[in-house]
Amino acid sequence: MNSAVFIDAGYILELSKLANRRIDFLKLSNELTSGTNRIKTIFYDSLPIQGTALGNSLYSARQRFHSKLRSLKDFEVKLGRLQQINEKFVQKGVDMRLGIDLVQMSMKKQIDKAIIITADSDFEYAVEKAQEDGVKISLAYFPNSKINSKFLKSVNDRIPLTDELLDKCKL
């Protein structure tokens, strides 16, 4: 059984920071796909906006982080963009990339199982389409996340990112 992991970086990085945890994404991917052949993990992110000393520093640090991820076995990083809306920075294009990749890999019969790490119910339709192609979808999420109940019901399996699981996957 081939599997793939799809990671919404904005979600996992923010919540792992709040939980004061540094995650080894290779260990996490392998743990989540145990018993299957993980063909790929895709990390969807965006780079900070440059133009200020802080922005330039964050940009460089995030590029180094992405380079480390790309060096891991069967890892890929796909970037959207960051856009400032009022005083808040918002990722754009990231969710669409994840949804399209999930559906394409399902339609091409590249995967039998997908593990999505997110809390965003915008993926519900992509999940439905992947399931129509026979792919089993697992949602990995932090237990304290607010997740739409309809989205939770739409997946085949739920994997809480518990302290016990994250302890196995720490850097």
Protein backbone atom coordinates (compact mmCIF):
# COMPACT_ATOMS: atom_id res chain seq x y z
CA MET A 1 0.00 0.00 0.00
CA ASN A 2 1.52 3.32 -1.11
CA SER A 3 0.99 6.37 1.04
CA ALA A 4 1.81 10.07 1.04
CA VAL A 5 1.82 12.73 3.73
CA PHE A 6 0.54 16.24 2.99
CA ILE A 7 1.60 18.85 5.57
CA ASP A 8 -0.01 22.27 5.91
CA ALA A 9 3.06 24.12 7.27
CA GLY A 10 1.12 27.11 8.56
CA TYR A 11 -0.91 24.77 10.76
CA ILE A 12 1.76 22.45 12.10
CA LEU A 13 4.46 25.09 12.62
CA GLU A 14 2.15 27.41 14.54
CA LEU A 15 0.73 24.71 16.80
CA SER A 16 4.06 22.98 17.40
CA LYS A 17 5.46 26.38 18.41
CA LEU A 18 2.55 26.89 20.82
CA ALA A 19 3.14 23.38 22.21
CA ASN A 20 6.85 24.22 22.51
CA ARG A 21 7.87 21.25 20.34
CA ARG A 22 10.47 20.85 17.62
CA ILE A 23 9.33 18.13 15.25
CA ASP A 24 11.46 15.81 13.15
CA PHE A 25 9.25 15.70 10.06
CA LEU A 26 10.89 12.56 8.68
CA LYS A 27 10.19 10.67 11.92
CA LEU A 28 6.64 12.03 11.98
CA SER A 29 6.02 11.03 8.35
CA ASN A 30 7.38 7.55 8.96
CA GLU A 31 5.34 7.17 12.13
CA LEU A 32 2.12 8.26 10.39
CA THR A 33 2.72 5.91 7.43
CA SER A 34 3.87 2.91 9.45
CA GLY A 35 2.87 -0.32 7.72
CA THR A 36 2.73 1.32 4.29
CA ASN A 37 5.22 2.36 1.63
CA ARG A 38 5.57 6.14 2.04
CA ILE A 39 6.34 7.39 -1.43
CA LYS A 40 6.41 11.07 -0.58
CA THR A 41 5.89 13.75 2.02
CA ILE A 42 5.00 17.19 0.72
CA PHE A 43 5.44 20.23 2.95
CA TYR A 44 3.31 23.21 1.81
CA ASP A 45 4.57 26.57 3.01
CA SER A 46 5.32 30.14 2.01
CA LEU A 47 8.35 32.31 2.55
CA PRO A 48 8.24 35.43 4.74
CA ILE A 49 8.04 38.79 3.01
CA GLN A 50 11.41 40.49 2.59
CA GLY A 51 12.16 44.18 2.83
CA THR A 52 12.86 44.66 6.51
CA ALA A 53 15.74 43.36 8.64
CA LEU A 54 13.36 40.99 10.44
CA GLY A 55 11.68 39.88 7.20
CA ASN A 56 15.05 39.23 5.53
CA SER A 57 16.27 37.25 8.54
CA LEU A 58 13.09 35.16 8.70
CA TYR A 59 13.26 34.59 4.94
CA SER A 60 16.82 33.24 5.15
CA ALA A 61 15.99 31.03 8.13
CA ARG A 62 12.95 29.58 6.38
CA GLN A 63 14.99 28.92 3.22
CA ARG A 64 17.54 26.98 5.30
CA PHE A 65 14.70 25.02 6.93
CA HIS A 66 13.22 24.18 3.52
CA SER A 67 16.65 23.07 2.26
CA LYS A 68 16.94 20.67 5.20
CA LEU A 69 13.49 19.27 4.47
CA ARG A 70 14.30 18.83 0.78
CA SER A 71 17.38 16.81 1.75
CA LEU A 72 15.23 14.24 3.56
CA LYS A 73 14.30 11.00 1.82
CA ASP A 74 11.21 11.39 -0.38
CA PHE A 75 10.47 14.94 0.83
CA GLU A 76 9.30 17.83 -1.27
CA VAL A 77 8.58 21.46 -0.38
CA LYS A 78 5.97 23.39 -2.36
CA LEU A 79 5.60 27.10 -1.87
CA GLY A 80 2.71 29.46 -2.05
CA ARG A 81 3.14 33.11 -1.21
CA LEU A 82 2.62 35.30 1.83
CA GLN A 83 0.36 38.31 1.49
CA GLN A 84 -0.19 41.09 3.98
CA ILE A 85 -3.86 41.83 4.58
CA ASN A 86 -4.24 44.76 6.96
CA GLU A 87 -1.83 43.93 9.80
CA LYS A 88 -1.92 40.16 9.27
CA PHE A 89 0.15 37.94 6.98
CA VAL A 90 -1.84 35.24 5.18
CA GLN A 91 -0.64 32.31 3.07
CA LYS A 92 -2.01 32.24 -0.45
CA GLY A 93 -1.91 29.37 -2.93
CA VAL A 94 -0.82 26.79 -0.35
CA ASP A 95 -4.19 25.09 0.22
CA MET A 96 -4.92 24.90 -3.49
CA ARG A 97 -1.58 23.20 -4.16
CA LEU A 98 -2.22 20.62 -1.45
CA GLY A 99 -5.74 19.87 -2.67
CA ILE A 100 -4.67 19.53 -6.30
CA ASP A 101 -1.73 17.25 -5.42
CA LEU A 102 -3.99 15.04 -3.30
CA VAL A 103 -6.52 14.66 -6.12
CA GLN A 104 -3.90 14.18 -8.86
CA MET A 105 -2.00 11.50 -6.95
CA SER A 106 -5.32 9.77 -6.23
CA MET A 107 -6.52 9.90 -9.83
CA LYS A 108 -3.18 8.60 -11.10
CA LYS A 109 -3.40 5.71 -8.59
CA GLN A 110 -0.03 6.69 -7.10
CA ILE A 111 -1.34 6.35 -3.55
CA ASP A 112 -3.75 4.15 -1.65
CA LYS A 113 -3.61 6.21 1.54
CA ALA A 114 -3.11 9.90 2.26
CA ILE A 115 -2.36 11.50 5.60
CA ILE A 116 -3.21 15.19 5.74
CA ILE A 117 -1.89 17.34 8.59
CA THR A 118 -4.22 20.32 8.84
CA ALA A 119 -7.33 21.69 10.52
CA ASP A 120 -8.63 23.45 7.42
CA SER A 121 -12.02 22.23 6.23
CA ASP A 122 -11.35 23.77 2.80
CA PHE A 123 -9.84 20.38 1.92
CA GLU A 124 -13.18 18.59 2.29
CA TYR A 125 -13.94 18.51 -1.45
CA ALA A 126 -10.42 17.31 -2.33
CA VAL A 127 -10.80 14.57 0.30
CA GLU A 128 -14.12 13.54 -1.23
CA LYS A 129 -12.61 13.38 -4.74
CA ALA A 130 -9.61 11.35 -3.54
CA GLN A 131 -11.95 8.93 -1.76
CA GLU A 132 -13.93 8.48 -4.99
CA ASP A 133 -10.68 7.15 -6.47
CA GLY A 134 -10.36 4.65 -3.62
CA VAL A 135 -7.84 6.48 -1.46
CA LYS A 136 -8.21 6.21 2.31
CA ILE A 137 -7.75 9.59 3.96
CA SER A 138 -6.40 10.10 7.48
CA LEU A 139 -6.50 13.48 9.16
CA ALA A 140 -3.65 14.14 11.60
CA TYR A 141 -4.36 17.08 13.89
CA PHE A 142 -3.62 18.61 17.26
CA PRO A 143 -6.39 17.56 19.68
CA ASN A 144 -7.01 21.15 20.83
CA SER A 145 -7.62 22.35 17.24
CA LYS A 146 -11.00 23.62 16.22
CA ILE A 147 -11.96 21.45 13.26
CA ASN A 148 -15.27 21.56 11.42
CA SER A 149 -17.28 18.50 12.47
CA LYS A 150 -18.41 17.81 8.89
CA PHE A 151 -14.75 17.76 7.78
CA LEU A 152 -13.85 15.41 10.64
CA LYS A 153 -16.61 13.05 9.53
CA SER A 154 -15.48 13.19 5.89
CA VAL A 155 -12.13 11.46 6.52
CA ASN A 156 -11.68 7.72 6.95
CA ASP A 157 -9.44 7.98 10.00
CA ARG A 158 -8.40 10.56 12.58
CA ILE A 159 -4.93 10.66 14.13
CA PRO A 160 -4.56 13.02 17.07
CA LEU A 161 -1.03 14.45 17.29
CA THR A 162 -0.76 13.59 20.98
CA ASP A 163 2.15 14.32 23.28
CA GLU A 164 3.05 10.62 23.15
CA LEU A 165 3.19 10.59 19.34
CA LEU A 166 5.10 13.89 19.16
CA ASP A 167 7.63 12.68 21.75
CA LYS A 168 8.53 9.87 19.32
CA CYS A 169 9.09 12.48 16.60
CA LYS A 170 11.03 15.21 18.31
CA LEU A 171 14.30 16.63 17.05
